[in-house]
PDB file of N, CA and C in Angstrom:
ATOM      1  N   UNK A   1     132.775 150.772 132.960  1.00  0.00           N
ATOM      2  CA  UNK A   1     131.433 150.135 133.225  1.00  0.00           C
ATOM      3  C   UNK A   1     131.863 148.951 133.983  1.00  0.00           C
ATOM      4  N   UNK A   2     131.197 148.598 135.065  1.00  0.00           N
ATOM      5  CA  UNK A   2     131.394 147.511 135.910  1.00  0.00           C
ATOM      6  C   UNK A   2     130.681 146.310 135.173  1.00  0.00           C
ATOM      7  N   UNK A   3     131.346 145.115 135.225  1.00  0.00           N
ATOM      8  CA  UNK A   3     130.798 143.900 134.814  1.00  0.00           C
ATOM      9  C   UNK A   3     130.157 143.278 135.924  1.00  0.00           C
ATOM     10  N   UNK A   4     128.994 142.444 135.573  1.00  0.00           N
ATOM     11  CA  UNK A   4     128.346 141.842 136.608  1.00  0.00           C
ATOM     12  C   UNK A   4     129.162 140.742 137.200  1.00  0.00           C
ATOM     13  N   UNK A   5     128.925 140.348 138.363  1.00  0.00           N
ATOM     14  CA  UNK A   5     129.635 139.259 139.113  1.00  0.00           C
ATOM     15  C   UNK A   5     129.214 137.996 138.399  1.00  0.00           C
ATOM     16  N   UNK A   6     130.261 137.096 138.230  1.00  0.00           N
ATOM     17  CA  UNK A   6     129.885 135.806 137.711  1.00  0.00           C
ATOM     18  C   UNK A   6     128.873 135.006 138.406  1.00  0.00           C
ATOM     19  N   UNK A   7     128.010 134.289 137.698  1.00  0.00           N
ATOM     20  CA  UNK A   7     126.835 133.566 138.411  1.00  0.00           C
ATOM     21  C   UNK A   7     127.458 132.512 139.256  1.00  0.00           C
ATOM     22  N   UNK A   8     126.898 132.148 140.305  1.00  0.00           N
ATOM     23  CA  UNK A   8     127.226 131.093 141.311  1.00  0.00           C
ATOM     24  C   UNK A   8     127.291 129.767 140.603  1.00  0.00           C
ATOM     25  N   UNK A   9     128.113 128.868 141.036  1.00  0.00           N
ATOM     26  CA  UNK A   9     128.183 127.592 140.465  1.00  0.00           C
ATOM     27  C   UNK A   9     126.659 126.790 140.421  1.00  0.00           C
ATOM     28  N   UNK A  10     125.945 127.057 141.631  1.00  0.00           N
ATOM     29  CA  UNK A  10     124.661 126.325 141.695  1.00  0.00           C
ATOM     30  C   UNK A  10     123.723 127.016 140.561  1.00  0.00           C
ATOM     31  N   UNK A  11     123.874 128.173 140.325  1.00  0.00           N
ATOM     32  CA  UNK A  11     122.917 128.767 139.214  1.00  0.00           C
ATOM     33  C   UNK A  11     123.327 128.301 137.801  1.00  0.00           C
ATOM     34  N   UNK A  12     124.544 128.111 137.614  1.00  0.00           N
ATOM     35  CA  UNK A  12     124.975 127.481 136.292  1.00  0.00           C
ATOM     36  C   UNK A  12     124.535 126.014 136.243  1.00  0.00           C
ATOM     37  N   UNK A  13     124.544 125.075 137.302  1.00  0.00           N
ATOM     38  CA  UNK A  13     124.063 123.860 137.273  1.00  0.00           C
ATOM     39  C   UNK A  13     122.600 123.930 136.819  1.00  0.00           C
ATOM     40  N   UNK A  14     121.748 124.847 137.550  1.00  0.00           N
ATOM     41  CA  UNK A  14     120.362 124.856 137.364  1.00  0.00           C
ATOM     42  C   UNK A  14     120.025 125.077 135.866  1.00  0.00           C
ATOM     43  N   UNK A  15     120.954 126.043 135.356  1.00  0.00           N
ATOM     44  CA  UNK A  15     120.643 126.502 134.029  1.00  0.00           C
ATOM     45  C   UNK A  15     120.908 125.342 133.070  1.00  0.00           C
ATOM     46  N   UNK A  16     122.017 124.592 133.263  1.00  0.00           N
ATOM     47  CA  UNK A  16     122.404 123.549 132.339  1.00  0.00           C
ATOM     48  C   UNK A  16     121.468 122.435 132.446  1.00  0.00           C
ATOM     49  N   UNK A  17     120.981 122.095 133.638  1.00  0.00           N
ATOM     50  CA  UNK A  17     120.024 121.103 133.746  1.00  0.00           C
ATOM     51  C   UNK A  17     118.617 121.420 133.176  1.00  0.00           C
ATOM     52  N   UNK A  18     118.251 122.644 133.220  1.00  0.00           N
ATOM     53  CA  UNK A  18     116.992 123.197 132.596  1.00  0.00           C
ATOM     54  C   UNK A  18     117.117 123.191 131.089  1.00  0.00           C
ATOM     55  N   UNK A  19     118.273 123.539 130.618  1.00  0.00           N
ATOM     56  CA  UNK A  19     118.504 123.632 129.017  1.00  0.00           C
ATOM     57  C   UNK A  19     118.476 121.986 128.592  1.00  0.00           C
ATOM     58  N   UNK A  20     119.119 121.234 129.342  1.00  0.00           N
ATOM     59  CA  UNK A  20     119.248 119.837 128.906  1.00  0.00           C
ATOM     60  C   UNK A  20     117.848 119.183 128.894  1.00  0.00           C
ATOM     61  N   UNK A  21     117.188 119.392 129.915  1.00  0.00           N
ATOM     62  CA  UNK A  21     115.629 118.860 130.132  1.00  0.00           C
ATOM     63  C   UNK A  21     114.817 119.541 129.004  1.00  0.00           C
ATOM     64  N   UNK A  22     114.959 120.728 128.668  1.00  0.00           N
ATOM     65  CA  UNK A  22     114.009 121.430 127.839  1.00  0.00           C
ATOM     66  C   UNK A  22     114.288 120.912 126.341  1.00  0.00           C
ATOM     67  N   UNK A  23     115.539 120.667 126.067  1.00  0.00           N
ATOM     68  CA  UNK A  23     115.924 120.192 124.768  1.00  0.00           C
ATOM     69  C   UNK A  23     115.387 118.737 124.461  1.00  0.00           C
ATOM     70  N   UNK A  24     115.567 117.919 125.632  1.00  0.00           N
ATOM     71  CA  UNK A  24     115.004 116.614 125.360  1.00  0.00           C
ATOM     72  C   UNK A  24     113.418 116.710 125.232  1.00  0.00           C
ATOM     73  N   UNK A  25     112.770 117.435 126.043  1.00  0.00           N
ATOM     74  CA  UNK A  25     111.321 117.533 125.760  1.00  0.00           C
ATOM     75  C   UNK A  25     111.015 117.966 124.373  1.00  0.00           C
ATOM     76  N   UNK A  26     111.778 119.061 123.867  1.00  0.00           N
ATOM     77  CA  UNK A  26     111.478 119.549 122.472  1.00  0.00           C
ATOM     78  C   UNK A  26     111.778 118.394 121.571  1.00  0.00           C
ATOM     79  N   UNK A  27     112.838 117.675 121.638  1.00  0.00           N
ATOM     80  CA  UNK A  27     113.075 116.519 120.791  1.00  0.00           C
ATOM     81  C   UNK A  27     111.894 115.479 120.943  1.00  0.00           C
ATOM     82  N   UNK A  28     111.447 115.087 121.999  1.00  0.00           N
ATOM     83  CA  UNK A  28     110.506 114.067 122.036  1.00  0.00           C
ATOM     84  C   UNK A  28     109.227 114.559 121.441  1.00  0.00           C
ATOM     85  N   UNK A  29     108.882 115.873 121.572  1.00  0.00           N
ATOM     86  CA  UNK A  29     107.593 116.387 121.154  1.00  0.00           C
ATOM     87  C   UNK A  29     107.728 116.447 119.490  1.00  0.00           C
ATOM     88  N   UNK A  30     109.121 116.843 119.054  1.00  0.00           N
ATOM     89  CA  UNK A  30     109.030 116.936 117.644  1.00  0.00           C
ATOM     90  C   UNK A  30     108.980 115.618 116.953  1.00  0.00           C
ATOM     91  N   UNK A  31     109.558 114.437 117.630  1.00  0.00           N
ATOM     92  CA  UNK A  31     109.372 113.197 117.201  1.00  0.00           C
ATOM     93  C   UNK A  31     108.007 112.636 117.174  1.00  0.00           C
ATOM     94  N   UNK A  32     107.261 112.844 118.190  1.00  0.00           N
ATOM     95  CA  UNK A  32     105.861 112.440 118.308  1.00  0.00           C
ATOM     96  C   UNK A  32     105.158 113.042 117.172  1.00  0.00           C
ATOM     97  N   UNK A  33     105.338 114.415 116.953  1.00  0.00           N
ATOM     98  CA  UNK A  33     104.635 115.367 116.003  1.00  0.00           C
ATOM     99  C   UNK A  33     104.759 114.745 114.684  1.00  0.00           C
ATOM    100  N   UNK A  34     106.178 114.391 114.387  1.00  0.00           N
ATOM    101  CA  UNK A  34     106.513 113.975 112.981  1.00  0.00           C
ATOM    102  C   UNK A  34     105.994 112.561 112.797  1.00  0.00           C
ATOM    103  N   UNK A  35     105.967 111.757 113.816  1.00  0.00           N
ATOM    104  CA  UNK A  35     105.411 110.403 113.618  1.00  0.00           C
ATOM    105  C   UNK A  35     103.952 110.462 113.495  1.00  0.00           C
ATOM    106  N   UNK A  36     103.165 111.343 114.019  1.00  0.00           N
ATOM    107  CA  UNK A  36     101.658 111.322 114.120  1.00  0.00           C
ATOM    108  C   UNK A  36     101.290 111.821 112.668  1.00  0.00           C
ATOM    109  N   UNK A  37     101.948 113.038 112.435  1.00  0.00           N
ATOM    110  CA  UNK A  37     101.414 113.703 111.131  1.00  0.00           C
ATOM    111  C   UNK A  37     101.849 112.867 109.761  1.00  0.00           C
ATOM    112  N   UNK A  38     103.141 112.529 109.679  1.00  0.00           N
ATOM    113  CA  UNK A  38     103.650 111.798 108.618  1.00  0.00           C
ATOM    114  C   UNK A  38     102.937 110.408 108.450  1.00  0.00           C
ATOM    115  N   UNK A  39     102.894 109.833 109.560  1.00  0.00           N
ATOM    116  CA  UNK A  39     102.208 108.465 109.537  1.00  0.00           C
ATOM    117  C   UNK A  39     100.802 108.497 109.337  1.00  0.00           C
ATOM    118  N   UNK A  40     100.194 109.506 109.735  1.00  0.00           N
ATOM    119  CA  UNK A  40      98.732 109.686 109.613  1.00  0.00           C
ATOM    120  C   UNK A  40      98.362 110.026 108.085  1.00  0.00           C
ATOM    121  N   UNK A  41      99.281 110.925 107.560  1.00  0.00           N
ATOM    122  CA  UNK A  41      99.061 111.162 106.070  1.00  0.00           C
ATOM    123  C   UNK A  41      99.295 109.915 105.266  1.00  0.00           C
ATOM    124  N   UNK A  42     100.239 109.203 105.446  1.00  0.00           N
ATOM    125  CA  UNK A  42     100.370 108.086 104.560  1.00  0.00           C
ATOM    126  C   UNK A  42      99.598 106.854 104.893  1.00  0.00           C
ATOM    127  N   UNK A  43      99.410 106.784 106.283  1.00  0.00           N
ATOM    128  CA  UNK A  43      98.511 105.589 106.744  1.00  0.00           C
ATOM    129  C   UNK A  43      97.090 105.653 106.563  1.00  0.00           C
ATOM    130  N   UNK A  44      96.478 107.102 106.605  1.00  0.00           N
ATOM    131  CA  UNK A  44      95.124 107.278 106.681  1.00  0.00           C
ATOM    132  C   UNK A  44      94.609 107.893 105.377  1.00  0.00           C
ATOM    133  N   UNK A  45      95.378 108.788 104.730  1.00  0.00           N
ATOM    134  CA  UNK A  45      94.843 109.637 103.694  1.00  0.00           C
ATOM    135  C   UNK A  45      95.418 109.105 102.413  1.00  0.00           C
ATOM    136  N   UNK A  46      96.436 108.383 102.385  1.00  0.00           N
ATOM    137  CA  UNK A  46      97.130 107.820 101.042  1.00  0.00           C
ATOM    138  C   UNK A  46      96.759 106.397 100.979  1.00  0.00           C
ATOM    139  N   UNK A  47      95.812 105.745 101.504  1.00  0.00           N
ATOM    140  CA  UNK A  47      95.492 104.389 101.491  1.00  0.00           C
ATOM    141  C   UNK A  47      94.165 104.104 100.839  1.00  0.00           C
ATOM    142  N   UNK A  48      94.049 103.066 100.208  1.00  0.00           N
ATOM    143  CA  UNK A  48      92.643 102.654  99.672  1.00  0.00           C
ATOM    144  C   UNK A  48      91.933 102.237 100.908  1.00  0.00           C
ATOM    145  N   UNK A  49      90.623 102.655 101.071  1.00  0.00           N
ATOM    146  CA  UNK A  49      90.011 102.355 102.273  1.00  0.00           C
ATOM    147  C   UNK A  49      89.619 100.877 102.375  1.00  0.00           C
ATOM    148  N   UNK A  50      89.514 100.131 101.295  1.00  0.00           N
ATOM    149  CA  UNK A  50      89.096  98.722 101.504  1.00  0.00           C
ATOM    150  C   UNK A  50      90.370  98.021 101.984  1.00  0.00           C
ATOM    151  N   UNK A  51      91.666  98.573 101.861  1.00  0.00           N
ATOM    152  CA  UNK A  51      92.725  97.863 102.534  1.00  0.00           C
ATOM    153  C   UNK A  51      93.095  98.090 103.930  1.00  0.00           C
ATOM    154  N   UNK A  52      92.388  99.029 104.547  1.00  0.00           N
ATOM    155  CA  UNK A  52      92.532  99.319 105.945  1.00  0.00           C
ATOM    156  C   UNK A  52      91.924  98.347 106.781  1.00  0.00           C
ATOM    157  N   UNK A  53      92.747  97.789 107.811  1.00  0.00           N
ATOM    158  CA  UNK A  53      92.407  96.870 108.649  1.00  0.00           C
ATOM    159  C   UNK A  53      92.048  97.565 110.214  1.00  0.00           C
ATOM    160  N   UNK A  54      91.873  96.752 111.050  1.00  0.00           N
ATOM    161  CA  UNK A  54      91.742  97.206 112.530  1.00  0.00           C
ATOM    162  C   UNK A  54      92.690  96.601 113.358  1.00  0.00           C
ATOM    163  N   UNK A  55      93.037  97.304 114.461  1.00  0.00           N
ATOM    164  CA  UNK A  55      93.759  96.795 115.475  1.00  0.00           C
ATOM    165  C   UNK A  55      93.145  97.188 116.903  1.00  0.00           C
ATOM    166  N   UNK A  56      92.790  96.160 117.658  1.00  0.00           N
ATOM    167  CA  UNK A  56      91.879  96.456 118.964  1.00  0.00           C
ATOM    168  C   UNK A  56      90.534  97.192 118.646  1.00  0.00           C
ATOM    169  N   UNK A  57      89.952  96.927 117.380  1.00  0.00           N
ATOM    170  CA  UNK A  57      88.757  97.489 117.116  1.00  0.00           C
ATOM    171  C   UNK A  57      88.878  98.933 116.518  1.00  0.00           C
ATOM    172  N   UNK A  58      90.089  99.473 116.406  1.00  0.00           N
ATOM    173  CA  UNK A  58      90.111 100.818 115.767  1.00  0.00           C
ATOM    174  C   UNK A  58      90.828 100.813 114.556  1.00  0.00           C
ATOM    175  N   UNK A  59      90.759 101.710 113.556  1.00  0.00           N
ATOM    176  CA  UNK A  59      91.543 101.524 112.272  1.00  0.00           C
ATOM    177  C   UNK A  59      93.031 101.474 112.700  1.00  0.00           C
ATOM    178  N   UNK A  60      93.734 100.513 111.656  1.00  0.00           N
ATOM    179  CA  UNK A  60      94.943 100.483 112.152  1.00  0.00           C
ATOM    180  C   UNK A  60      95.943 101.704 111.916  1.00  0.00           C
ATOM    181  N   UNK A  61      95.598 102.506 111.174  1.00  0.00           N
ATOM    182  CA  UNK A  61      96.392 103.866 111.143  1.00  0.00           C
ATOM    183  C   UNK A  61      96.285 104.662 112.195  1.00  0.00           C
ATOM    184  N   UNK A  62      94.998 104.668 112.854  1.00  0.00           N
ATOM    185  CA  UNK A  62      94.864 105.574 114.111  1.00  0.00           C
ATOM    186  C   UNK A  62      95.654 104.855 115.112  1.00  0.00           C
ATOM    187  N   UNK A  63      95.588 103.440 115.220  1.00  0.00           N
ATOM    188  CA  UNK A  63      96.473 102.598 116.282  1.00  0.00           C
ATOM    189  C   UNK A  63      97.822 103.155 116.305  1.00  0.00           C
ATOM    190  N   UNK A  64      98.343 103.056 114.962  1.00  0.00           N
ATOM    191  CA  UNK A  64      99.838 103.173 114.993  1.00  0.00           C
ATOM    192  C   UNK A  64     100.288 104.457 114.759  1.00  0.00           C
ATOM    193  N   UNK A  65      99.368 105.495 114.383  1.00  0.00           N
ATOM    194  CA  UNK A  65      99.961 106.946 114.178  1.00  0.00           C
ATOM    195  C   UNK A  65      99.418 107.804 115.347  1.00  0.00           C
ATOM    196  N   UNK A  66      98.530 107.328 116.134  1.00  0.00           N
ATOM    197  CA  UNK A  66      98.025 108.130 117.166  1.00  0.00           C
ATOM    198  C   UNK A  66      97.993 107.475 118.616  1.00  0.00           C
ATOM    199  N   UNK A  67      97.538 106.335 118.677  1.00  0.00           N
ATOM    200  CA  UNK A  67      97.454 105.606 120.174  1.00  0.00           C
ATOM    201  C   UNK A  67      98.975 105.215 120.487  1.00  0.00           C
ATOM    202  N   UNK A  68      99.681 104.753 119.705  1.00  0.00           N
ATOM    203  CA  UNK A  68     101.049 104.257 120.019  1.00  0.00           C
ATOM    204  C   UNK A  68     102.000 105.449 120.260  1.00  0.00           C
ATOM    205  N   UNK A  69     102.029 106.622 119.516  1.00  0.00           N
ATOM    206  CA  UNK A  69     102.953 107.597 119.871  1.00  0.00           C
ATOM    207  C   UNK A  69     102.334 108.385 121.245  1.00  0.00           C
ATOM    208  N   UNK A  70     101.135 108.311 121.416  1.00  0.00           N
ATOM    209  CA  UNK A  70     100.605 109.118 122.810  1.00  0.00           C
ATOM    210  C   UNK A  70     100.887 108.194 123.804  1.00  0.00           C
ATOM    211  N   UNK A  71     100.836 106.796 123.839  1.00  0.00           N
ATOM    212  CA  UNK A  71     101.324 105.916 124.784  1.00  0.00           C
ATOM    213  C   UNK A  71     102.713 105.883 125.125  1.00  0.00           C
ATOM    214  N   UNK A  72     103.370 106.109 124.028  1.00  0.00           N
ATOM    215  CA  UNK A  72     104.974 106.235 124.194  1.00  0.00           C
ATOM    216  C   UNK A  72     105.342 107.487 124.947  1.00  0.00           C
ATOM    217  N   UNK A  73     104.492 108.561 124.645  1.00  0.00           N
ATOM    218  CA  UNK A  73     104.872 109.867 125.294  1.00  0.00           C
ATOM    219  C   UNK A  73     104.416 109.755 126.801  1.00  0.00           C
ATOM    220  N   UNK A  74     103.336 109.094 127.142  1.00  0.00           N
ATOM    221  CA  UNK A  74     103.129 108.826 128.636  1.00  0.00           C
ATOM    222  C   UNK A  74     104.137 108.069 129.348  1.00  0.00           C
ATOM    223  N   UNK A  75     104.718 107.023 128.714  1.00  0.00           N
ATOM    224  CA  UNK A  75     105.882 106.310 129.227  1.00  0.00           C
ATOM    225  C   UNK A  75     107.082 107.087 129.350  1.00  0.00           C
ATOM    226  N   UNK A  76     107.213 107.944 128.252  1.00  0.00           N
ATOM    227  CA  UNK A  76     108.420 108.991 128.315  1.00  0.00           C
ATOM    228  C   UNK A  76     108.473 109.992 129.400  1.00  0.00           C
ATOM    229  N   UNK A  77     107.102 110.382 129.649  1.00  0.00           N
ATOM    230  CA  UNK A  77     106.911 111.400 130.568  1.00  0.00           C
ATOM    231  C   UNK A  77     107.139 110.847 131.963  1.00  0.00           C
ATOM    232  N   UNK A  78     106.696 109.691 132.167  1.00  0.00           N
ATOM    233  CA  UNK A  78     106.777 109.041 133.593  1.00  0.00           C
ATOM    234  C   UNK A  78     108.434 108.807 133.779  1.00  0.00           C
ATOM    235  N   UNK A  79     109.084 108.295 132.771  1.00  0.00           N
ATOM    236  CA  UNK A  79     110.565 108.098 132.988  1.00  0.00           C
ATOM    237  C   UNK A  79     111.200 109.520 133.089  1.00  0.00           C
ATOM    238  N   UNK A  80     110.904 110.495 132.367  1.00  0.00           N
ATOM    239  CA  UNK A  80     111.494 111.752 132.344  1.00  0.00           C
ATOM    240  C   UNK A  80     111.401 112.355 133.777  1.00  0.00           C
ATOM    241  N   UNK A  81     110.132 112.206 134.226  1.00  0.00           N
ATOM    242  CA  UNK A  81     109.842 112.907 135.663  1.00  0.00           C
ATOM    243  C   UNK A  81     110.510 112.217 136.700  1.00  0.00           C
ATOM    244  N   UNK A  82     110.435 110.870 136.777  1.00  0.00           N
ATOM    245  CA  UNK A  82     110.997 110.076 137.850  1.00  0.00           C
ATOM    246  C   UNK A  82     112.323 109.658 137.634  1.00  0.00           C
ATOM    247  N   UNK A  83     112.842 109.546 136.483  1.00  0.00           N
ATOM    248  CA  UNK A  83     114.237 108.999 136.373  1.00  0.00           C
ATOM    249  C   UNK A  83     115.211 110.071 135.704  1.00  0.00           C
ATOM    250  N   UNK A  84     114.951 110.787 135.064  1.00  0.00           N
ATOM    251  CA  UNK A  84     115.864 111.812 134.377  1.00  0.00           C
ATOM    252  C   UNK A  84     115.958 113.187 134.946  1.00  0.00           C
ATOM    253  N   UNK A  85     114.763 113.793 135.193  1.00  0.00           N
ATOM    254  CA  UNK A  85     114.670 115.111 135.606  1.00  0.00           C
ATOM    255  C   UNK A  85     115.544 115.421 136.761  1.00  0.00           C
ATOM    256  N   UNK A  86     116.504 116.505 136.948  1.00  0.00           N
ATOM    257  CA  UNK A  86     117.266 116.772 138.019  1.00  0.00           C
ATOM    258  C   UNK A  86     116.446 117.277 139.022  1.00  0.00           C
ATOM    259  N   UNK A  87     116.703 116.976 140.350  1.00  0.00           N
ATOM    260  CA  UNK A  87     116.078 117.481 141.584  1.00  0.00           C
ATOM    261  C   UNK A  87     117.020 118.603 142.226  1.00  0.00           C
ATOM    262  N   UNK A  88     117.196 119.650 141.630  1.00  0.00           N
ATOM    263  CA  UNK A  88     118.188 120.723 142.144  1.00  0.00           C
ATOM    264  C   UNK A  88     117.680 121.422 143.392  1.00  0.00           C
ATOM    265  N   UNK A  89     118.549 121.846 144.193  1.00  0.00           N
ATOM    266  CA  UNK A  89     118.169 122.669 145.304  1.00  0.00           C
ATOM    267  C   UNK A  89     118.126 124.080 144.796  1.00  0.00           C
ATOM    268  N   UNK A  90     116.835 124.708 145.019  1.00  0.00           N
ATOM    269  CA  UNK A  90     116.821 126.107 144.714  1.00  0.00           C
ATOM    270  C   UNK A  90     117.108 127.097 145.584  1.00  0.00           C
ATOM    271  N   UNK A  91     117.509 126.698 146.844  1.00  0.00           N
ATOM    272  CA  UNK A  91     117.829 127.596 147.773  1.00  0.00           C
ATOM    273  C   UNK A  91     116.841 127.968 148.846  1.00  0.00           C
ATOM    274  N   UNK A  92     117.002 128.829 149.724  1.00  0.00           N
ATOM    275  CA  UNK A  92     115.953 129.291 150.635  1.00  0.00           C
ATOM    276  C   UNK A  92     115.248 130.435 150.173  1.00  0.00           C
ATOM    277  N   UNK A  93     113.964 130.464 150.517  1.00  0.00           N
ATOM    278  CA  UNK A  93     113.420 131.953 150.190  1.00  0.00           C
ATOM    279  C   UNK A  93     113.679 132.830 151.232  1.00  0.00           C
ATOM    280  N   UNK A  94     113.678 134.162 150.805  1.00  0.00           N
ATOM    281  CA  UNK A  94     114.097 135.137 151.615  1.00  0.00           C
ATOM    282  C   UNK A  94     113.511 135.323 152.987  1.00  0.00           C
ATOM    283  N   UNK A  95     112.192 135.097 152.919  1.00  0.00           N
ATOM    284  CA  UNK A  95     111.484 135.122 154.193  1.00  0.00           C
ATOM    285  C   UNK A  95     111.037 133.734 154.815  1.00  0.00           C
ATOM    286  N   UNK A  96     111.902 132.741 154.454  1.00  0.00           N
ATOM    287  CA  UNK A  96     111.387 131.429 155.080  1.00  0.00           C
ATOM    288  C   UNK A  96     111.714 131.449 156.364  1.00  0.00           C
ATOM    289  N   UNK A  97     112.644 131.943 157.136  1.00  0.00           N
ATOM    290  CA  UNK A  97     112.877 131.866 158.594  1.00  0.00           C
ATOM    291  C   UNK A  97     111.953 132.889 159.334  1.00  0.00           C
ATOM    292  N   UNK A  98     111.487 133.758 158.811  1.00  0.00           N
ATOM    293  CA  UNK A  98     110.550 134.728 159.300  1.00  0.00           C
ATOM    294  C   UNK A  98     109.098 134.257 159.707  1.00  0.00           C
ATOM    295  N   UNK A  99     108.671 134.643 160.803  1.00  0.00           N
ATOM    296  CA  UNK A  99     107.243 134.151 161.144  1.00  0.00           C
ATOM    297  C   UNK A  99     106.352 135.542 161.327  1.00  0.00           C
ATOM    298  N   UNK A 100     105.417 135.551 160.676  1.00  0.00           N
ATOM    299  CA  UNK A 100     104.544 136.820 160.816  1.00  0.00           C
ATOM    300  C   UNK A 100     103.442 136.521 161.613  1.00  0.00           C
ATOM    301  N   UNK A 101     103.165 137.326 162.687  1.00  0.00           N
ATOM    302  CA  UNK A 101     102.011 137.183 163.631  1.00  0.00           C
ATOM    303  C   UNK A 101     100.839 137.753 163.082  1.00  0.00           C
TER     304      UNK A 101
END
């Protein structure tokens, strides 16, 4: 049985970059999920309501467990898209040079 030809170097670079970027997104998502759920559980459900304060007019646990992680996720997404994500050349389309009348 014939073995398939080894993938081109460009394809390996694309796969490596995609895996690296996907892993980083997954880690960021998991950290934000853990922060929100664990922080919300202890900050909102496991506290005496009389001891809850406010930050910018909202309950402090909502600010620290929802608004802050979401805001950091927005900052992370902007950094990720404009500073980290690789802009790899995907090659030419098969019919890129053809003009249909």
